Amino acid sequence: DQEAFRDHVGFAAGTEQDFQEFAN
Protein backbone atom coordinates (compact mmCIF):
# COMPACT_ATOMS: atom_id res chain seq x y z
CA ASP A 1 0.00 0.00 0.00
CA GLN A 2 2.85 2.38 0.83
CA GLU A 3 4.54 1.76 -2.51
CA ALA A 4 1.32 2.20 -4.48
CA PHE A 5 0.57 5.55 -2.85
CA ARG A 6 3.97 7.17 -3.35
CA ASP A 7 2.58 9.40 -6.13
CA HIS A 8 -0.64 10.12 -4.26
CA VAL A 9 -1.52 13.66 -3.18
CA GLY A 10 0.16 14.47 0.14
CA PHE A 11 1.89 11.09 0.55
CA ALA A 12 4.32 10.76 3.46
CA ALA A 13 6.36 7.62 4.05
CA GLY A 14 4.93 5.62 6.92
CA THR A 15 6.86 5.05 10.13
CA GLU A 16 7.10 1.93 12.28
CA GLN A 17 4.49 3.55 14.52
CA ASP A 18 2.19 3.88 11.51
CA PHE A 19 2.60 0.19 10.77
CA GLN A 20 1.87 -0.75 14.37
CA GLU A 21 -1.32 1.34 14.27
CA PHE A 22 -2.30 -0.50 11.06
CA ALA A 23 -1.41 -3.90 12.50
CA ASN A 24 -3.42 -3.39 15.69
mmCIF file of all heavy atoms, coordinates in Angstrom:
data_MODEL
# 
_entry.id   MODEL 
# 
loop_
_atom_site.group_PDB 
_atom_site.id 
_atom_site.type_symbol 
_atom_site.label_atom_id 
_atom_site.label_alt_id 
_atom_site.label_comp_id 
_atom_site.label_asym_id 
_atom_site.label_entity_id 
_atom_site.label_seq_id 
_atom_site.pdbx_PDB_ins_code 
_atom_site.Cartn_x 
_atom_site.Cartn_y 
_atom_site.Cartn_z 
_atom_site.occupancy 
_atom_site.B_iso_or_equiv 
_atom_site.pdbx_formal_charge 
_atom_site.auth_seq_id 
_atom_site.auth_comp_id 
_atom_site.auth_asym_id 
_atom_site.auth_atom_id 
_atom_site.pdbx_PDB_model_num 
ATOM 1   N N   . ASP A 1 1  ? 0.835  -1.201 0.000  1.00 0.00 ? 1  ASP A N   1 
ATOM 2   C CA  . ASP A 1 1  ? 0.000  0.000  0.000  1.00 0.00 ? 1  ASP A CA  1 
ATOM 3   C C   . ASP A 1 1  ? 0.870  1.252  0.000  1.00 0.00 ? 1  ASP A C   1 
ATOM 4   O O   . ASP A 1 1  ? 0.599  2.216  -0.731 1.00 0.00 ? 1  ASP A O   1 
ATOM 5   C CB  . ASP A 1 1  ? -0.909 -0.017 1.222  1.00 0.00 ? 1  ASP A CB  1 
ATOM 6   C CG  . ASP A 1 1  ? -1.870 1.166  1.253  1.00 0.00 ? 1  ASP A CG  1 
ATOM 7   O OD1 . ASP A 1 1  ? -2.910 1.099  0.584  1.00 0.00 ? 1  ASP A OD1 1 
ATOM 8   O OD2 . ASP A 1 1  ? -1.568 2.156  1.938  1.00 0.00 ? 1  ASP A OD2 1 
ATOM 9   N N   . GLN A 1 2  ? 1.932  1.252  0.799  1.00 0.00 ? 2  GLN A N   1 
ATOM 10  C CA  . GLN A 1 2  ? 2.852  2.378  0.835  1.00 0.00 ? 2  GLN A CA  1 
ATOM 11  C C   . GLN A 1 2  ? 3.453  2.645  -0.547 1.00 0.00 ? 2  GLN A C   1 
ATOM 12  O O   . GLN A 1 2  ? 3.479  3.784  -1.027 1.00 0.00 ? 2  GLN A O   1 
ATOM 13  C CB  . GLN A 1 2  ? 3.983  2.085  1.825  1.00 0.00 ? 2  GLN A CB  1 
ATOM 14  C CG  . GLN A 1 2  ? 3.572  2.161  3.282  1.00 0.00 ? 2  GLN A CG  1 
ATOM 15  C CD  . GLN A 1 2  ? 3.635  3.586  3.807  1.00 0.00 ? 2  GLN A CD  1 
ATOM 16  O OE1 . GLN A 1 2  ? 4.685  4.217  3.803  1.00 0.00 ? 2  GLN A OE1 1 
ATOM 17  N NE2 . GLN A 1 2  ? 2.505  4.098  4.228  1.00 0.00 ? 2  GLN A NE2 1 
ATOM 18  N N   . GLU A 1 3  ? 3.911  1.605  -1.195 1.00 0.00 ? 3  GLU A N   1 
ATOM 19  C CA  . GLU A 1 3  ? 4.541  1.762  -2.506 1.00 0.00 ? 3  GLU A CA  1 
ATOM 20  C C   . GLU A 1 3  ? 3.544  2.284  -3.542 1.00 0.00 ? 3  GLU A C   1 
ATOM 21  O O   . GLU A 1 3  ? 3.872  3.158  -4.348 1.00 0.00 ? 3  GLU A O   1 
ATOM 22  C CB  . GLU A 1 3  ? 5.125  0.421  -2.974 1.00 0.00 ? 3  GLU A CB  1 
ATOM 23  C CG  . GLU A 1 3  ? 5.769  0.464  -4.342 1.00 0.00 ? 3  GLU A CG  1 
ATOM 24  C CD  . GLU A 1 3  ? 6.893  1.485  -4.436 1.00 0.00 ? 3  GLU A CD  1 
ATOM 25  O OE1 . GLU A 1 3  ? 7.602  1.704  -3.435 1.00 0.00 ? 3  GLU A OE1 1 
ATOM 26  O OE2 . GLU A 1 3  ? 7.061  2.087  -5.520 1.00 0.00 ? 3  GLU A OE2 1 
ATOM 27  N N   . ALA A 1 4  ? 2.320  1.775  -3.501 1.00 0.00 ? 4  ALA A N   1 
ATOM 28  C CA  . ALA A 1 4  ? 1.316  2.195  -4.480 1.00 0.00 ? 4  ALA A CA  1 
ATOM 29  C C   . ALA A 1 4  ? 0.942  3.659  -4.323 1.00 0.00 ? 4  ALA A C   1 
ATOM 30  O O   . ALA A 1 4  ? 0.576  4.323  -5.303 1.00 0.00 ? 4  ALA A O   1 
ATOM 31  C CB  . ALA A 1 4  ? 0.077  1.315  -4.349 1.00 0.00 ? 4  ALA A CB  1 
ATOM 32  N N   . PHE A 1 5  ? 1.026  4.189  -3.100 1.00 0.00 ? 5  PHE A N   1 
ATOM 33  C CA  . PHE A 1 5  ? 0.567  5.555  -2.853 1.00 0.00 ? 5  PHE A CA  1 
ATOM 34  C C   . PHE A 1 5  ? 1.677  6.601  -2.906 1.00 0.00 ? 5  PHE A C   1 
ATOM 35  O O   . PHE A 1 5  ? 1.445  7.765  -2.578 1.00 0.00 ? 5  PHE A O   1 
ATOM 36  C CB  . PHE A 1 5  ? -0.157 5.628  -1.499 1.00 0.00 ? 5  PHE A CB  1 
ATOM 37  C CG  . PHE A 1 5  ? -1.617 5.311  -1.609 1.00 0.00 ? 5  PHE A CG  1 
ATOM 38  C CD1 . PHE A 1 5  ? -2.064 4.000  -1.547 1.00 0.00 ? 5  PHE A CD1 1 
ATOM 39  C CD2 . PHE A 1 5  ? -2.545 6.323  -1.802 1.00 0.00 ? 5  PHE A CD2 1 
ATOM 40  C CE1 . PHE A 1 5  ? -3.406 3.702  -1.668 1.00 0.00 ? 5  PHE A CE1 1 
ATOM 41  C CE2 . PHE A 1 5  ? -3.890 6.038  -1.922 1.00 0.00 ? 5  PHE A CE2 1 
ATOM 42  C CZ  . PHE A 1 5  ? -4.332 4.724  -1.857 1.00 0.00 ? 5  PHE A CZ  1 
ATOM 43  N N   . ARG A 1 6  ? 2.873  6.213  -3.351 1.00 0.00 ? 6  ARG A N   1 
ATOM 44  C CA  . ARG A 1 6  ? 3.974  7.174  -3.345 1.00 0.00 ? 6  ARG A CA  1 
ATOM 45  C C   . ARG A 1 6  ? 3.709  8.389  -4.232 1.00 0.00 ? 6  ARG A C   1 
ATOM 46  O O   . ARG A 1 6  ? 4.253  9.467  -3.986 1.00 0.00 ? 6  ARG A O   1 
ATOM 47  C CB  . ARG A 1 6  ? 5.273  6.494  -3.778 1.00 0.00 ? 6  ARG A CB  1 
ATOM 48  C CG  . ARG A 1 6  ? 5.830  5.599  -2.689 1.00 0.00 ? 6  ARG A CG  1 
ATOM 49  C CD  . ARG A 1 6  ? 7.286  5.233  -2.900 1.00 0.00 ? 6  ARG A CD  1 
ATOM 50  N NE  . ARG A 1 6  ? 7.732  4.405  -1.788 1.00 0.00 ? 6  ARG A NE  1 
ATOM 51  C CZ  . ARG A 1 6  ? 8.121  4.858  -0.616 1.00 0.00 ? 6  ARG A CZ  1 
ATOM 52  N NH1 . ARG A 1 6  ? 8.120  6.160  -0.400 1.00 0.00 ? 6  ARG A NH1 1 
ATOM 53  N NH2 . ARG A 1 6  ? 8.502  4.039  0.335  1.00 0.00 ? 6  ARG A NH2 1 
ATOM 54  N N   . ASP A 1 7  ? 2.896  8.252  -5.272 1.00 0.00 ? 7  ASP A N   1 
ATOM 55  C CA  . ASP A 1 7  ? 2.583  9.398  -6.126 1.00 0.00 ? 7  ASP A CA  1 
ATOM 56  C C   . ASP A 1 7  ? 1.220  9.997  -5.806 1.00 0.00 ? 7  ASP A C   1 
ATOM 57  O O   . ASP A 1 7  ? 0.685  10.804 -6.560 1.00 0.00 ? 7  ASP A O   1 
ATOM 58  C CB  . ASP A 1 7  ? 2.636  8.999  -7.601 1.00 0.00 ? 7  ASP A CB  1 
ATOM 59  C CG  . ASP A 1 7  ? 1.661  7.874  -7.954 1.00 0.00 ? 7  ASP A CG  1 
ATOM 60  O OD1 . ASP A 1 7  ? 1.097  7.260  -7.028 1.00 0.00 ? 7  ASP A OD1 1 
ATOM 61  O OD2 . ASP A 1 7  ? 1.474  7.621  -9.159 1.00 0.00 ? 7  ASP A OD2 1 
ATOM 62  N N   . HIS A 1 8  ? 0.659  9.600  -4.678 1.00 0.00 ? 8  HIS A N   1 
ATOM 63  C CA  . HIS A 1 8  ? -0.639 10.124 -4.263 1.00 0.00 ? 8  HIS A CA  1 
ATOM 64  C C   . HIS A 1 8  ? -0.479 11.516 -3.652 1.00 0.00 ? 8  HIS A C   1 
ATOM 65  O O   . HIS A 1 8  ? 0.565  11.846 -3.094 1.00 0.00 ? 8  HIS A O   1 
ATOM 66  C CB  . HIS A 1 8  ? -1.264 9.179  -3.226 1.00 0.00 ? 8  HIS A CB  1 
ATOM 67  C CG  . HIS A 1 8  ? -2.675 9.498  -2.868 1.00 0.00 ? 8  HIS A CG  1 
ATOM 68  N ND1 . HIS A 1 8  ? -2.994 10.397 -1.885 1.00 0.00 ? 8  HIS A ND1 1 
ATOM 69  C CD2 . HIS A 1 8  ? -3.849 9.039  -3.365 1.00 0.00 ? 8  HIS A CD2 1 
ATOM 70  C CE1 . HIS A 1 8  ? -4.317 10.470 -1.778 1.00 0.00 ? 8  HIS A CE1 1 
ATOM 71  N NE2 . HIS A 1 8  ? -4.850 9.681  -2.662 1.00 0.00 ? 8  HIS A NE2 1 
ATOM 72  N N   . VAL A 1 9  ? -1.532 12.317 -3.748 1.00 0.00 ? 9  VAL A N   1 
ATOM 73  C CA  . VAL A 1 9  ? -1.521 13.664 -3.178 1.00 0.00 ? 9  VAL A CA  1 
ATOM 74  C C   . VAL A 1 9  ? -1.198 13.605 -1.686 1.00 0.00 ? 9  VAL A C   1 
ATOM 75  O O   . VAL A 1 9  ? -1.846 12.886 -0.922 1.00 0.00 ? 9  VAL A O   1 
ATOM 76  C CB  . VAL A 1 9  ? -2.897 14.332 -3.371 1.00 0.00 ? 9  VAL A CB  1 
ATOM 77  C CG1 . VAL A 1 9  ? -2.954 15.668 -2.640 1.00 0.00 ? 9  VAL A CG1 1 
ATOM 78  C CG2 . VAL A 1 9  ? -3.190 14.525 -4.853 1.00 0.00 ? 9  VAL A CG2 1 
ATOM 79  N N   . GLY A 1 10 ? -0.171 14.344 -1.274 1.00 0.00 ? 10 GLY A N   1 
ATOM 80  C CA  . GLY A 1 10 ? 0.161  14.466 0.140  1.00 0.00 ? 10 GLY A CA  1 
ATOM 81  C C   . GLY A 1 10 ? 0.828  13.260 0.764  1.00 0.00 ? 10 GLY A C   1 
ATOM 82  O O   . GLY A 1 10 ? 0.939  13.196 2.001  1.00 0.00 ? 10 GLY A O   1 
ATOM 83  N N   . PHE A 1 11 ? 1.308  12.306 -0.024 1.00 0.00 ? 11 PHE A N   1 
ATOM 84  C CA  . PHE A 1 11 ? 1.889  11.089 0.555  1.00 0.00 ? 11 PHE A CA  1 
ATOM 85  C C   . PHE A 1 11 ? 3.100  11.395 1.433  1.00 0.00 ? 11 PHE A C   1 
ATOM 86  O O   . PHE A 1 11 ? 3.950  12.212 1.091  1.00 0.00 ? 11 PHE A O   1 
ATOM 87  C CB  . PHE A 1 11 ? 2.321  10.126 -0.555 1.00 0.00 ? 11 PHE A CB  1 
ATOM 88  C CG  . PHE A 1 11 ? 3.052  8.913  -0.034 1.00 0.00 ? 11 PHE A CG  1 
ATOM 89  C CD1 . PHE A 1 11 ? 2.358  7.861  0.518  1.00 0.00 ? 11 PHE A CD1 1 
ATOM 90  C CD2 . PHE A 1 11 ? 4.445  8.862  -0.068 1.00 0.00 ? 11 PHE A CD2 1 
ATOM 91  C CE1 . PHE A 1 11 ? 3.033  6.750  1.025  1.00 0.00 ? 11 PHE A CE1 1 
ATOM 92  C CE2 . PHE A 1 11 ? 5.120  7.753  0.426  1.00 0.00 ? 11 PHE A CE2 1 
ATOM 93  C CZ  . PHE A 1 11 ? 4.413  6.700  0.972  1.00 0.00 ? 11 PHE A CZ  1 
ATOM 94  N N   . ALA A 1 12 ? 3.154  10.722 2.573  1.00 0.00 ? 12 ALA A N   1 
ATOM 95  C CA  . ALA A 1 12 ? 4.316  10.760 3.462  1.00 0.00 ? 12 ALA A CA  1 
ATOM 96  C C   . ALA A 1 12 ? 4.666  9.323  3.823  1.00 0.00 ? 12 ALA A C   1 
ATOM 97  O O   . ALA A 1 12 ? 3.782  8.520  4.137  1.00 0.00 ? 12 ALA A O   1 
ATOM 98  C CB  . ALA A 1 12 ? 4.010  11.554 4.722  1.00 0.00 ? 12 ALA A CB  1 
ATOM 99  N N   . ALA A 1 13 ? 5.932  8.991  3.749  1.00 0.00 ? 13 ALA A N   1 
ATOM 100 C CA  . ALA A 1 13 ? 6.360  7.624  4.049  1.00 0.00 ? 13 ALA A CA  1 
ATOM 101 C C   . ALA A 1 13 ? 5.972  7.250  5.473  1.00 0.00 ? 13 ALA A C   1 
ATOM 102 O O   . ALA A 1 13 ? 6.184  8.011  6.417  1.00 0.00 ? 13 ALA A O   1 
ATOM 103 C CB  . ALA A 1 13 ? 7.874  7.505  3.866  1.00 0.00 ? 13 ALA A CB  1 
ATOM 104 N N   . GLY A 1 14 ? 5.380  6.081  5.617  1.00 0.00 ? 14 GLY A N   1 
ATOM 105 C CA  . GLY A 1 14 ? 4.935  5.625  6.924  1.00 0.00 ? 14 GLY A CA  1 
ATOM 106 C C   . GLY A 1 14 ? 6.097  5.256  7.832  1.00 0.00 ? 14 GLY A C   1 
ATOM 107 O O   . GLY A 1 14 ? 7.162  4.844  7.377  1.00 0.00 ? 14 GLY A O   1 
ATOM 108 N N   . THR A 1 15 ? 5.871  5.402  9.120  1.00 0.00 ? 15 THR A N   1 
ATOM 109 C CA  . THR A 1 15 ? 6.864  5.052  10.133 1.00 0.00 ? 15 THR A CA  1 
ATOM 110 C C   . THR A 1 15 ? 6.513  3.685  10.736 1.00 0.00 ? 15 THR A C   1 
ATOM 111 O O   . THR A 1 15 ? 5.455  3.116  10.460 1.00 0.00 ? 15 THR A O   1 
ATOM 112 C CB  . THR A 1 15 ? 6.876  6.100  11.247 1.00 0.00 ? 15 THR A CB  1 
ATOM 113 O OG1 . THR A 1 15 ? 5.595  6.054  11.931 1.00 0.00 ? 15 THR A OG1 1 
ATOM 114 C CG2 . THR A 1 15 ? 7.096  7.493  10.689 1.00 0.00 ? 15 THR A CG2 1 
ATOM 115 N N   . GLU A 1 16 ? 7.394  3.179  11.573 1.00 0.00 ? 16 GLU A N   1 
ATOM 116 C CA  . GLU A 1 16 ? 7.098  1.931  12.281 1.00 0.00 ? 16 GLU A CA  1 
ATOM 117 C C   . GLU A 1 16 ? 5.865  2.103  13.160 1.00 0.00 ? 16 GLU A C   1 
ATOM 118 O O   . GLU A 1 16 ? 5.046  1.173  13.293 1.00 0.00 ? 16 GLU A O   1 
ATOM 119 C CB  . GLU A 1 16 ? 8.284  1.500  13.125 1.00 0.00 ? 16 GLU A CB  1 
ATOM 120 C CG  . GLU A 1 16 ? 8.051  0.213  13.926 1.00 0.00 ? 16 GLU A CG  1 
ATOM 121 C CD  . GLU A 1 16 ? 7.736  -1.013 13.062 1.00 0.00 ? 16 GLU A CD  1 
ATOM 122 O OE1 . GLU A 1 16 ? 8.099  -1.021 11.869 1.00 0.00 ? 16 GLU A OE1 1 
ATOM 123 O OE2 . GLU A 1 16 ? 7.110  -1.956 13.602 1.00 0.00 ? 16 GLU A OE2 1 
ATOM 124 N N   . GLN A 1 17 ? 5.685  3.284  13.734 1.00 0.00 ? 17 GLN A N   1 
ATOM 125 C CA  . GLN A 1 17 ? 4.487  3.551  14.523 1.00 0.00 ? 17 GLN A CA  1 
ATOM 126 C C   . GLN A 1 17 ? 3.238  3.466  13.648 1.00 0.00 ? 17 GLN A C   1 
ATOM 127 O O   . GLN A 1 17 ? 2.200  2.949  14.080 1.00 0.00 ? 17 GLN A O   1 
ATOM 128 C CB  . GLN A 1 17 ? 4.583  4.932  15.175 1.00 0.00 ? 17 GLN A CB  1 
ATOM 129 C CG  . GLN A 1 17 ? 5.546  4.995  16.345 1.00 0.00 ? 17 GLN A CG  1 
ATOM 130 C CD  . GLN A 1 17 ? 5.016  4.248  17.556 1.00 0.00 ? 17 GLN A CD  1 
ATOM 131 O OE1 . GLN A 1 17 ? 5.077  3.018  17.623 1.00 0.00 ? 17 GLN A OE1 1 
ATOM 132 N NE2 . GLN A 1 17 ? 4.463  4.968  18.517 1.00 0.00 ? 17 GLN A NE2 1 
ATOM 133 N N   . ASP A 1 18 ? 3.325  3.969  12.433 1.00 0.00 ? 18 ASP A N   1 
ATOM 134 C CA  . ASP A 1 18 ? 2.190  3.878  11.510 1.00 0.00 ? 18 ASP A CA  1 
ATOM 135 C C   . ASP A 1 18 ? 1.847  2.421  11.217 1.00 0.00 ? 18 ASP A C   1 
ATOM 136 O O   . ASP A 1 18 ? 0.671  2.041  11.158 1.00 0.00 ? 18 ASP A O   1 
ATOM 137 C CB  . ASP A 1 18 ? 2.503  4.607  10.198 1.00 0.00 ? 18 ASP A CB  1 
ATOM 138 C CG  . ASP A 1 18 ? 2.640  6.096  10.375 1.00 0.00 ? 18 ASP A CG  1 
ATOM 139 O OD1 . ASP A 1 18 ? 1.936  6.666  11.231 1.00 0.00 ? 18 ASP A OD1 1 
ATOM 140 O OD2 . ASP A 1 18 ? 3.459  6.699  9.658  1.00 0.00 ? 18 ASP A OD2 1 
ATOM 141 N N   . PHE A 1 19 ? 2.880  1.610  11.010 1.00 0.00 ? 19 PHE A N   1 
ATOM 142 C CA  . PHE A 1 19 ? 2.604  0.189  10.767 1.00 0.00 ? 19 PHE A CA  1 
ATOM 143 C C   . PHE A 1 19 ? 1.957  -0.459 11.984 1.00 0.00 ? 19 PHE A C   1 
ATOM 144 O O   . PHE A 1 19 ? 1.016  -1.255 11.846 1.00 0.00 ? 19 PHE A O   1 
ATOM 145 C CB  . PHE A 1 19 ? 3.878  -0.580 10.404 1.00 0.00 ? 19 PHE A CB  1 
ATOM 146 C CG  . PHE A 1 19 ? 3.651  -2.064 10.391 1.00 0.00 ? 19 PHE A CG  1 
ATOM 147 C CD1 . PHE A 1 19 ? 2.880  -2.657 9.408  1.00 0.00 ? 19 PHE A CD1 1 
ATOM 148 C CD2 . PHE A 1 19 ? 4.149  -2.869 11.414 1.00 0.00 ? 19 PHE A CD2 1 
ATOM 149 C CE1 . PHE A 1 19 ? 2.623  -4.028 9.417  1.00 0.00 ? 19 PHE A CE1 1 
ATOM 150 C CE2 . PHE A 1 19 ? 3.904  -4.231 11.439 1.00 0.00 ? 19 PHE A CE2 1 
ATOM 151 C CZ  . PHE A 1 19 ? 3.131  -4.819 10.431 1.00 0.00 ? 19 PHE A CZ  1 
ATOM 152 N N   . GLN A 1 20 ? 2.431  -0.146 13.178 1.00 0.00 ? 20 GLN A N   1 
ATOM 153 C CA  . GLN A 1 20 ? 1.865  -0.749 14.373 1.00 0.00 ? 20 GLN A CA  1 
ATOM 154 C C   . GLN A 1 20 ? 0.402  -0.336 14.557 1.00 0.00 ? 20 GLN A C   1 
ATOM 155 O O   . GLN A 1 20 ? -0.435 -1.140 14.990 1.00 0.00 ? 20 GLN A O   1 
ATOM 156 C CB  . GLN A 1 20 ? 2.690  -0.374 15.605 1.00 0.00 ? 20 GLN A CB  1 
ATOM 157 C CG  . GLN A 1 20 ? 4.075  -0.996 15.628 1.00 0.00 ? 20 GLN A CG  1 
ATOM 158 C CD  . GLN A 1 20 ? 4.044  -2.514 15.600 1.00 0.00 ? 20 GLN A CD  1 
ATOM 159 O OE1 . GLN A 1 20 ? 3.132  -3.151 16.146 1.00 0.00 ? 20 GLN A OE1 1 
ATOM 160 N NE2 . GLN A 1 20 ? 5.029  -3.119 14.958 1.00 0.00 ? 20 GLN A NE2 1 
ATOM 161 N N   . GLU A 1 21 ? 0.071  0.908  14.217 1.00 0.00 ? 21 GLU A N   1 
ATOM 162 C CA  . GLU A 1 21 ? -1.325 1.341  14.271 1.00 0.00 ? 21 GLU A CA  1 
ATOM 163 C C   . GLU A 1 21 ? -2.167 0.523  13.297 1.00 0.00 ? 21 GLU A C   1 
ATOM 164 O O   . GLU A 1 21 ? -3.259 0.070  13.627 1.00 0.00 ? 21 GLU A O   1 
ATOM 165 C CB  . GLU A 1 21 ? -1.424 2.832  13.937 1.00 0.00 ? 21 GLU A CB  1 
ATOM 166 C CG  . GLU A 1 21 ? -2.789 3.461  14.201 1.00 0.00 ? 21 GLU A CG  1 
ATOM 167 C CD  . GLU A 1 21 ? -3.759 3.269  13.067 1.00 0.00 ? 21 GLU A CD  1 
ATOM 168 O OE1 . GLU A 1 21 ? -3.326 3.058  11.914 1.00 0.00 ? 21 GLU A OE1 1 
ATOM 169 O OE2 . GLU A 1 21 ? -4.985 3.323  13.322 1.00 0.00 ? 21 GLU A OE2 1 
ATOM 170 N N   . PHE A 1 22 ? -1.639 0.321  12.088 1.00 0.00 ? 22 PHE A N   1 
ATOM 171 C CA  . PHE A 1 22 ? -2.299 -0.498 11.065 1.00 0.00 ? 22 PHE A CA  1 
ATOM 172 C C   . PHE A 1 22 ? -2.465 -1.939 11.554 1.00 0.00 ? 22 PHE A C   1 
ATOM 173 O O   . PHE A 1 22 ? -3.540 -2.531 11.443 1.00 0.00 ? 22 PHE A O   1 
ATOM 174 C CB  . PHE A 1 22 ? -1.457 -0.451 9.786  1.00 0.00 ? 22 PHE A CB  1 
ATOM 175 C CG  . PHE A 1 22 ? -1.861 -1.418 8.716  1.00 0.00 ? 22 PHE A CG  1 
ATOM 176 C CD1 . PHE A 1 22 ? -2.812 -1.074 7.770  1.00 0.00 ? 22 PHE A CD1 1 
ATOM 177 C CD2 . PHE A 1 22 ? -1.269 -2.675 8.630  1.00 0.00 ? 22 PHE A CD2 1 
ATOM 178 C CE1 . PHE A 1 22 ? -3.174 -1.957 6.764  1.00 0.00 ? 22 PHE A CE1 1 
ATOM 179 C CE2 . PHE A 1 22 ? -1.622 -3.567 7.632  1.00 0.00 ? 22 PHE A CE2 1 
ATOM 180 C CZ  . PHE A 1 22 ? -2.581 -3.216 6.697  1.00 0.00 ? 22 PHE A CZ  1 
ATOM 181 N N   . ALA A 1 23 ? -1.410 -2.495 12.100 1.00 0.00 ? 23 ALA A N   1 
ATOM 182 C CA  . ALA A 1 23 ? -1.411 -3.902 12.497 1.00 0.00 ? 23 ALA A CA  1 
ATOM 183 C C   . ALA A 1 23 ? -2.339 -4.189 13.662 1.00 0.00 ? 23 ALA A C   1 
ATOM 184 O O   . ALA A 1 23 ? -2.810 -5.321 13.825 1.00 0.00 ? 23 ALA A O   1 
ATOM 185 C CB  . ALA A 1 23 ? 0.013  -4.344 12.851 1.00 0.00 ? 23 ALA A CB  1 
ATOM 186 N N   . ASN A 1 24 ? -2.621 -3.176 14.485 1.00 0.00 ? 24 ASN A N   1 
ATOM 187 C CA  . ASN A 1 24 ? -3.420 -3.386 15.687 1.00 0.00 ? 24 ASN A CA  1 
ATOM 188 C C   . ASN A 1 24 ? -4.820 -2.795 15.606 1.00 0.00 ? 24 ASN A C   1 
ATOM 189 O O   . ASN A 1 24 ? -5.520 -2.712 16.611 1.00 0.00 ? 24 ASN A O   1 
ATOM 190 C CB  . ASN A 1 24 ? -2.683 -2.798 16.892 1.00 0.00 ? 24 ASN A CB  1 
ATOM 191 C CG  . ASN A 1 24 ? -1.448 -3.600 17.257 1.00 0.00 ? 24 ASN A CG  1 
ATOM 192 O OD1 . ASN A 1 24 ? -1.544 -4.659 17.872 1.00 0.00 ? 24 ASN A OD1 1 
ATOM 193 N ND2 . ASN A 1 24 ? -0.284 -3.102 16.857 1.00 0.00 ? 24 ASN A ND2 1 
# 
